[in-house]
Amino acid sequence: MAEQVATPQAETKAPHKQSKVGQVVSTKMAKTIVVEVTRRVAHPLYKRILTRRNKFYAHDEEGKAKTGDLVRIIESRPLSKLKRWTLGEVVRPAVRITIEATAAEKAEARAPQKGNKKKK
């Protein structure tokens, strides 16, 4: 009889977990992000393309995701009443804009306002 040799791949086969890509809407909770996933579907009767949006609460242990980032979330065991997803990766970071005031604008902001007193 031939002996059957078990392959390591067959024993450690991980279950396929669902993943979604969406935009981070909120990061105001501790270790939790809210991700909005949009999908485009045709109306069953009128065939017009509609945009459907769903919000998912995802676990972000390290706080890597920021508002506006495009992220991939992966299905996981229930972590709380609403959290069933974990952050997989940040696909594309959001554009961060910093506004710096010029020296003249800074001086103008510090100077007291003149001519606003009423005369009696």
N, C-alpha and C. Protein backbone atom coordinates (compact mmCIF):
# COMPACT_ATOMS: atom_id res chain seq x y z
N MET A 1 0.82 -1.17 0.00
CA MET A 1 0.00 0.00 0.00
C MET A 1 0.87 1.25 0.00
N ALA A 2 0.36 2.27 -0.65
CA ALA A 2 1.10 3.53 -0.72
C ALA A 2 0.76 4.38 0.50
N GLU A 3 1.80 4.96 1.04
CA GLU A 3 1.58 5.83 2.20
C GLU A 3 1.16 7.22 1.74
N GLN A 4 0.21 7.77 2.44
CA GLN A 4 -0.22 9.12 2.11
C GLN A 4 0.52 10.12 2.99
N VAL A 5 1.14 11.07 2.33
CA VAL A 5 1.90 12.09 3.04
C VAL A 5 1.05 13.36 3.09
N ALA A 6 0.82 13.86 4.27
CA ALA A 6 0.02 15.08 4.42
C ALA A 6 0.88 16.29 4.05
N THR A 7 0.32 17.14 3.23
CA THR A 7 1.05 18.35 2.85
C THR A 7 0.78 19.44 3.88
N PRO A 8 1.76 20.29 4.12
CA PRO A 8 1.56 21.34 5.12
C PRO A 8 0.49 22.35 4.70
N GLN A 9 0.27 22.54 3.40
CA GLN A 9 -0.73 23.49 2.95
C GLN A 9 -2.14 23.02 3.29
N ALA A 10 -2.40 21.75 3.18
CA ALA A 10 -3.74 21.24 3.43
C ALA A 10 -4.13 21.37 4.90
N GLU A 11 -3.15 21.22 5.80
CA GLU A 11 -3.44 21.29 7.22
C GLU A 11 -3.66 22.72 7.69
N THR A 12 -2.93 23.67 7.16
CA THR A 12 -2.99 25.05 7.65
C THR A 12 -3.75 25.95 6.68
N LYS A 13 -4.77 25.42 6.05
CA LYS A 13 -5.54 26.23 5.11
C LYS A 13 -6.43 27.19 5.88
N ALA A 14 -6.19 28.49 5.71
CA ALA A 14 -6.97 29.51 6.41
C ALA A 14 -8.27 29.76 5.67
N PRO A 15 -9.34 30.02 6.39
CA PRO A 15 -10.61 30.30 5.71
C PRO A 15 -10.53 31.64 4.99
N HIS A 16 -11.21 31.71 3.87
CA HIS A 16 -11.23 32.95 3.10
C HIS A 16 -12.14 33.95 3.80
N LYS A 17 -11.59 35.13 4.11
CA LYS A 17 -12.37 36.14 4.80
C LYS A 17 -12.73 37.24 3.82
N GLN A 18 -13.94 37.73 3.94
CA GLN A 18 -14.43 38.78 3.07
C GLN A 18 -13.68 40.08 3.36
N SER A 19 -13.41 40.88 2.31
CA SER A 19 -12.78 42.17 2.51
C SER A 19 -13.50 43.22 1.68
N LYS A 20 -13.45 44.45 2.14
CA LYS A 20 -14.10 45.56 1.46
C LYS A 20 -13.15 46.75 1.45
N VAL A 21 -13.31 47.62 0.45
CA VAL A 21 -12.50 48.83 0.35
C VAL A 21 -13.44 50.02 0.47
N GLY A 22 -13.08 50.96 1.36
CA GLY A 22 -13.93 52.13 1.56
C GLY A 22 -13.14 53.29 2.12
N GLN A 23 -13.84 54.39 2.34
CA GLN A 23 -13.22 55.62 2.82
C GLN A 23 -13.53 55.81 4.30
N VAL A 24 -12.51 56.23 5.07
CA VAL A 24 -12.68 56.45 6.50
C VAL A 24 -13.48 57.73 6.70
N VAL A 25 -14.59 57.62 7.44
CA VAL A 25 -15.47 58.75 7.69
C VAL A 25 -15.21 59.35 9.07
N SER A 26 -14.89 58.51 10.06
CA SER A 26 -14.70 58.99 11.41
C SER A 26 -13.61 58.19 12.12
N THR A 27 -12.81 58.91 12.92
CA THR A 27 -11.79 58.26 13.75
C THR A 27 -11.90 58.77 15.18
N LYS A 28 -13.07 59.17 15.61
CA LYS A 28 -13.23 59.83 16.91
C LYS A 28 -13.31 58.86 18.08
N MET A 29 -13.46 57.57 17.81
CA MET A 29 -13.52 56.59 18.89
C MET A 29 -12.14 55.98 19.11
N ALA A 30 -11.92 55.44 20.29
CA ALA A 30 -10.63 54.83 20.61
C ALA A 30 -10.52 53.48 19.90
N LYS A 31 -9.48 53.34 19.08
CA LYS A 31 -9.18 52.09 18.35
C LYS A 31 -10.29 51.64 17.42
N THR A 32 -11.16 52.55 17.01
CA THR A 32 -12.27 52.23 16.12
C THR A 32 -12.36 53.27 15.02
N ILE A 33 -12.58 52.81 13.80
CA ILE A 33 -12.82 53.72 12.68
C ILE A 33 -14.16 53.36 12.05
N VAL A 34 -14.78 54.34 11.41
CA VAL A 34 -16.01 54.12 10.66
C VAL A 34 -15.66 54.23 9.19
N VAL A 35 -15.93 53.18 8.43
CA VAL A 35 -15.57 53.12 7.01
C VAL A 35 -16.85 53.09 6.19
N GLU A 36 -16.94 53.97 5.20
CA GLU A 36 -18.09 54.01 4.31
C GLU A 36 -17.71 53.32 3.00
N VAL A 37 -18.44 52.25 2.69
CA VAL A 37 -18.19 51.48 1.47
C VAL A 37 -19.30 51.80 0.48
N THR A 38 -18.92 52.23 -0.71
CA THR A 38 -19.91 52.55 -1.73
C THR A 38 -19.88 51.49 -2.83
N ARG A 39 -21.05 51.19 -3.35
CA ARG A 39 -21.15 50.26 -4.48
C ARG A 39 -22.21 50.79 -5.42
N ARG A 40 -22.03 50.52 -6.69
CA ARG A 40 -22.96 51.00 -7.72
C ARG A 40 -23.75 49.81 -8.24
N VAL A 41 -25.09 49.92 -8.16
CA VAL A 41 -25.96 48.83 -8.60
C VAL A 41 -27.02 49.40 -9.53
N ALA A 42 -27.53 48.55 -10.40
CA ALA A 42 -28.61 48.96 -11.30
C ALA A 42 -29.95 48.73 -10.61
N HIS A 43 -30.87 49.66 -10.79
CA HIS A 43 -32.22 49.52 -10.24
C HIS A 43 -32.88 48.31 -10.90
N PRO A 44 -33.55 47.45 -10.14
CA PRO A 44 -34.09 46.22 -10.73
C PRO A 44 -35.12 46.45 -11.83
N LEU A 45 -35.90 47.51 -11.72
CA LEU A 45 -36.94 47.75 -12.71
C LEU A 45 -36.50 48.78 -13.76
N TYR A 46 -35.95 49.89 -13.31
CA TYR A 46 -35.66 50.99 -14.23
C TYR A 46 -34.24 50.98 -14.79
N LYS A 47 -33.37 50.13 -14.27
CA LYS A 47 -32.00 49.95 -14.76
C LYS A 47 -31.12 51.20 -14.60
N ARG A 48 -31.57 52.16 -13.80
CA ARG A 48 -30.76 53.35 -13.54
C ARG A 48 -29.67 52.97 -12.54
N ILE A 49 -28.45 53.49 -12.72
CA ILE A 49 -27.34 53.18 -11.82
C ILE A 49 -27.51 53.99 -10.54
N LEU A 50 -27.53 53.29 -9.40
CA LEU A 50 -27.67 53.92 -8.10
C LEU A 50 -26.42 53.69 -7.28
N THR A 51 -26.10 54.62 -6.40
CA THR A 51 -24.97 54.47 -5.50
C THR A 51 -25.50 54.08 -4.13
N ARG A 52 -25.11 52.91 -3.66
CA ARG A 52 -25.51 52.42 -2.35
C ARG A 52 -24.33 52.56 -1.40
N ARG A 53 -24.59 53.06 -0.18
CA ARG A 53 -23.52 53.26 0.79
C ARG A 53 -23.83 52.50 2.07
N ASN A 54 -22.82 51.87 2.64
CA ASN A 54 -22.93 51.20 3.92
C ASN A 54 -21.77 51.65 4.80
N LYS A 55 -22.05 51.78 6.09
CA LYS A 55 -21.00 52.14 7.05
C LYS A 55 -20.67 50.92 7.89
N PHE A 56 -19.38 50.69 8.06
CA PHE A 56 -18.90 49.56 8.86
C PHE A 56 -17.97 50.09 9.94
N TYR A 57 -18.11 49.55 11.16
CA TYR A 57 -17.21 49.87 12.24
C TYR A 57 -16.07 48.86 12.20
N ALA A 58 -14.83 49.37 12.20
CA ALA A 58 -13.66 48.49 12.09
C ALA A 58 -12.67 48.78 13.21
N HIS A 59 -11.95 47.75 13.63
CA HIS A 59 -10.96 47.86 14.70
C HIS A 59 -9.63 48.32 14.12
N ASP A 60 -9.10 49.41 14.67
CA ASP A 60 -7.80 49.96 14.25
C ASP A 60 -6.92 50.03 15.48
N GLU A 61 -6.20 48.95 15.75
CA GLU A 61 -5.40 48.81 16.97
C GLU A 61 -4.34 49.90 17.11
N GLU A 62 -3.63 50.21 16.02
CA GLU A 62 -2.50 51.13 16.08
C GLU A 62 -2.88 52.57 15.73
N GLY A 63 -4.10 52.81 15.31
CA GLY A 63 -4.52 54.16 14.95
C GLY A 63 -3.86 54.67 13.67
N LYS A 64 -3.62 53.77 12.71
CA LYS A 64 -2.95 54.14 11.46
C LYS A 64 -3.85 54.93 10.53
N ALA A 65 -5.14 54.65 10.51
CA ALA A 65 -6.05 55.28 9.55
C ALA A 65 -6.48 56.66 10.02
N LYS A 66 -6.56 57.59 9.08
CA LYS A 66 -7.02 58.95 9.35
C LYS A 66 -8.26 59.21 8.50
N THR A 67 -9.01 60.25 8.87
CA THR A 67 -10.21 60.59 8.13
C THR A 67 -9.87 60.91 6.68
N GLY A 68 -10.61 60.32 5.75
CA GLY A 68 -10.39 60.54 4.33
C GLY A 68 -9.53 59.49 3.65
N ASP A 69 -8.85 58.65 4.41
CA ASP A 69 -8.01 57.59 3.83
C ASP A 69 -8.87 56.53 3.16
N LEU A 70 -8.34 55.93 2.11
CA LEU A 70 -8.97 54.79 1.47
C LEU A 70 -8.35 53.54 2.10
N VAL A 71 -9.17 52.68 2.73
CA VAL A 71 -8.66 51.54 3.48
C VAL A 71 -9.33 50.25 3.05
N ARG A 72 -8.65 49.15 3.35
CA ARG A 72 -9.22 47.81 3.16
C ARG A 72 -9.52 47.25 4.53
N ILE A 73 -10.76 46.79 4.73
CA ILE A 73 -11.15 46.17 5.99
C ILE A 73 -11.42 44.69 5.75
N ILE A 74 -11.12 43.88 6.76
CA ILE A 74 -11.22 42.43 6.64
C ILE A 74 -12.18 41.92 7.71
N GLU A 75 -13.02 40.98 7.32
CA GLU A 75 -13.99 40.38 8.22
C GLU A 75 -13.29 39.70 9.39
N SER A 76 -13.86 39.83 10.59
CA SER A 76 -13.27 39.18 11.77
C SER A 76 -14.38 38.73 12.71
N ARG A 77 -14.00 38.17 13.81
CA ARG A 77 -14.98 37.76 14.81
C ARG A 77 -15.59 39.02 15.43
N PRO A 78 -16.77 38.93 16.03
CA PRO A 78 -17.36 40.10 16.67
C PRO A 78 -16.48 40.62 17.80
N LEU A 79 -16.12 41.90 17.72
CA LEU A 79 -15.28 42.52 18.75
C LEU A 79 -16.11 43.36 19.73
N SER A 80 -17.26 43.80 19.30
CA SER A 80 -18.18 44.55 20.16
C SER A 80 -19.57 44.45 19.55
N LYS A 81 -20.49 45.26 20.04
CA LYS A 81 -21.86 45.21 19.53
C LYS A 81 -21.91 45.51 18.04
N LEU A 82 -21.09 46.45 17.55
CA LEU A 82 -21.14 46.85 16.15
C LEU A 82 -19.90 46.47 15.34
N LYS A 83 -18.76 46.18 15.99
CA LYS A 83 -17.51 45.92 15.26
C LYS A 83 -17.37 44.46 14.86
N ARG A 84 -17.35 44.21 13.55
CA ARG A 84 -17.10 42.87 13.01
C ARG A 84 -16.01 42.89 11.95
N TRP A 85 -15.24 43.98 11.86
CA TRP A 85 -14.21 44.16 10.84
C TRP A 85 -12.94 44.67 11.49
N THR A 86 -11.80 44.37 10.87
CA THR A 86 -10.51 44.92 11.32
C THR A 86 -9.84 45.60 10.15
N LEU A 87 -9.01 46.58 10.45
CA LEU A 87 -8.29 47.31 9.41
C LEU A 87 -7.22 46.40 8.81
N GLY A 88 -7.28 46.21 7.49
CA GLY A 88 -6.27 45.40 6.81
C GLY A 88 -5.07 46.23 6.42
N GLU A 89 -5.33 47.29 5.65
CA GLU A 89 -4.24 48.16 5.20
C GLU A 89 -4.82 49.50 4.77
N VAL A 90 -3.96 50.51 4.75
CA VAL A 90 -4.33 51.81 4.20
C VAL A 90 -3.94 51.76 2.73
N VAL A 91 -4.92 51.74 1.85
CA VAL A 91 -4.67 51.63 0.41
C VAL A 91 -4.09 52.94 -0.13
N ARG A 92 -4.75 54.06 0.22
CA ARG A 92 -4.28 55.37 -0.25
C ARG A 92 -4.54 56.40 0.84
N PRO A 93 -3.49 57.04 1.36
CA PRO A 93 -3.72 58.07 2.39
C PRO A 93 -4.38 59.30 1.79
N ALA A 94 -5.15 60.00 2.62
CA ALA A 94 -5.82 61.22 2.18
C ALA A 94 -4.81 62.35 2.04
N VAL A 95 -5.16 63.33 1.23
CA VAL A 95 -4.30 64.49 1.05
C VAL A 95 -4.44 65.37 2.28
N ARG A 96 -3.31 65.69 2.91
CA ARG A 96 -3.29 66.55 4.09
C ARG A 96 -2.84 67.94 3.67
N ILE A 97 -3.63 68.95 4.01
CA ILE A 97 -3.30 70.33 3.66
C ILE A 97 -3.00 71.09 4.93
N THR A 98 -1.84 71.74 4.97
CA THR A 98 -1.49 72.59 6.10
C THR A 98 -1.42 74.02 5.61
N ILE A 99 -2.02 74.91 6.37
CA ILE A 99 -2.04 76.31 6.00
C ILE A 99 -1.12 77.07 6.95
N GLU A 100 -0.13 77.75 6.38
CA GLU A 100 0.78 78.54 7.18
C GLU A 100 0.53 80.01 6.90
N ALA A 101 0.43 80.80 7.95
CA ALA A 101 0.22 82.23 7.79
C ALA A 101 1.56 82.91 7.50
N THR A 102 1.51 83.94 6.68
CA THR A 102 2.73 84.70 6.38
C THR A 102 3.06 85.59 7.57
N ALA A 103 4.25 86.18 7.58
CA ALA A 103 4.68 87.03 8.68
C ALA A 103 3.77 88.24 8.83
N ALA A 104 3.31 88.82 7.70
CA ALA A 104 2.42 89.98 7.75
C ALA A 104 1.07 89.62 8.37
N GLU A 105 0.54 88.44 8.04
CA GLU A 105 -0.74 88.02 8.60
C GLU A 105 -0.63 87.75 10.09
N LYS A 106 0.51 87.21 10.53
CA LYS A 106 0.72 86.96 11.96
C LYS A 106 0.79 88.27 12.72
N ALA A 107 1.49 89.27 12.18
CA ALA A 107 1.61 90.57 12.84
C ALA A 107 0.25 91.27 12.89
N GLU A 108 -0.52 91.14 11.83
CA GLU A 108 -1.84 91.77 11.78
C GLU A 108 -2.78 91.14 12.80
N ALA A 109 -2.67 89.86 13.01
CA ALA A 109 -3.53 89.17 13.96
C ALA A 109 -3.19 89.57 15.40
N ARG A 110 -1.91 89.88 15.68
CA ARG A 110 -1.49 90.27 17.03
C ARG A 110 -1.81 91.72 17.35
N ALA A 111 -1.87 92.60 16.34
CA ALA A 111 -2.08 94.03 16.56
C ALA A 111 -3.51 94.30 17.03
N PRO A 112 -3.69 95.23 18.01
CA PRO A 112 -5.05 95.55 18.46
C PRO A 112 -5.82 96.31 17.40
N GLN A 113 -7.13 96.14 17.42
CA GLN A 113 -7.98 96.82 16.45
C GLN A 113 -8.14 98.28 16.85
N LYS A 114 -8.10 99.19 15.87
CA LYS A 114 -8.22 100.62 16.13
C LYS A 114 -9.49 101.15 15.47
N GLY A 115 -10.06 102.21 16.08
CA GLY A 115 -11.17 102.92 15.48
C GLY A 115 -12.52 102.27 15.69
N ASN A 116 -12.68 101.36 16.62
CA ASN A 116 -13.98 100.73 16.84
C ASN A 116 -14.72 101.32 18.03
N LYS A 117 -14.16 102.40 18.66
CA LYS A 117 -14.80 102.99 19.82
C LYS A 117 -15.82 104.03 19.38
N LYS A 118 -16.94 104.10 20.11
CA LYS A 118 -17.96 105.11 19.82
C LYS A 118 -17.64 106.39 20.56
N LYS A 119 -17.88 107.52 19.92
CA LYS A 119 -17.64 108.83 20.55
C LYS A 119 -18.92 109.30 21.22
N LYS A 120 -18.77 109.97 22.36
CA LYS A 120 -19.94 110.48 23.10
C LYS A 120 -20.16 111.92 22.84
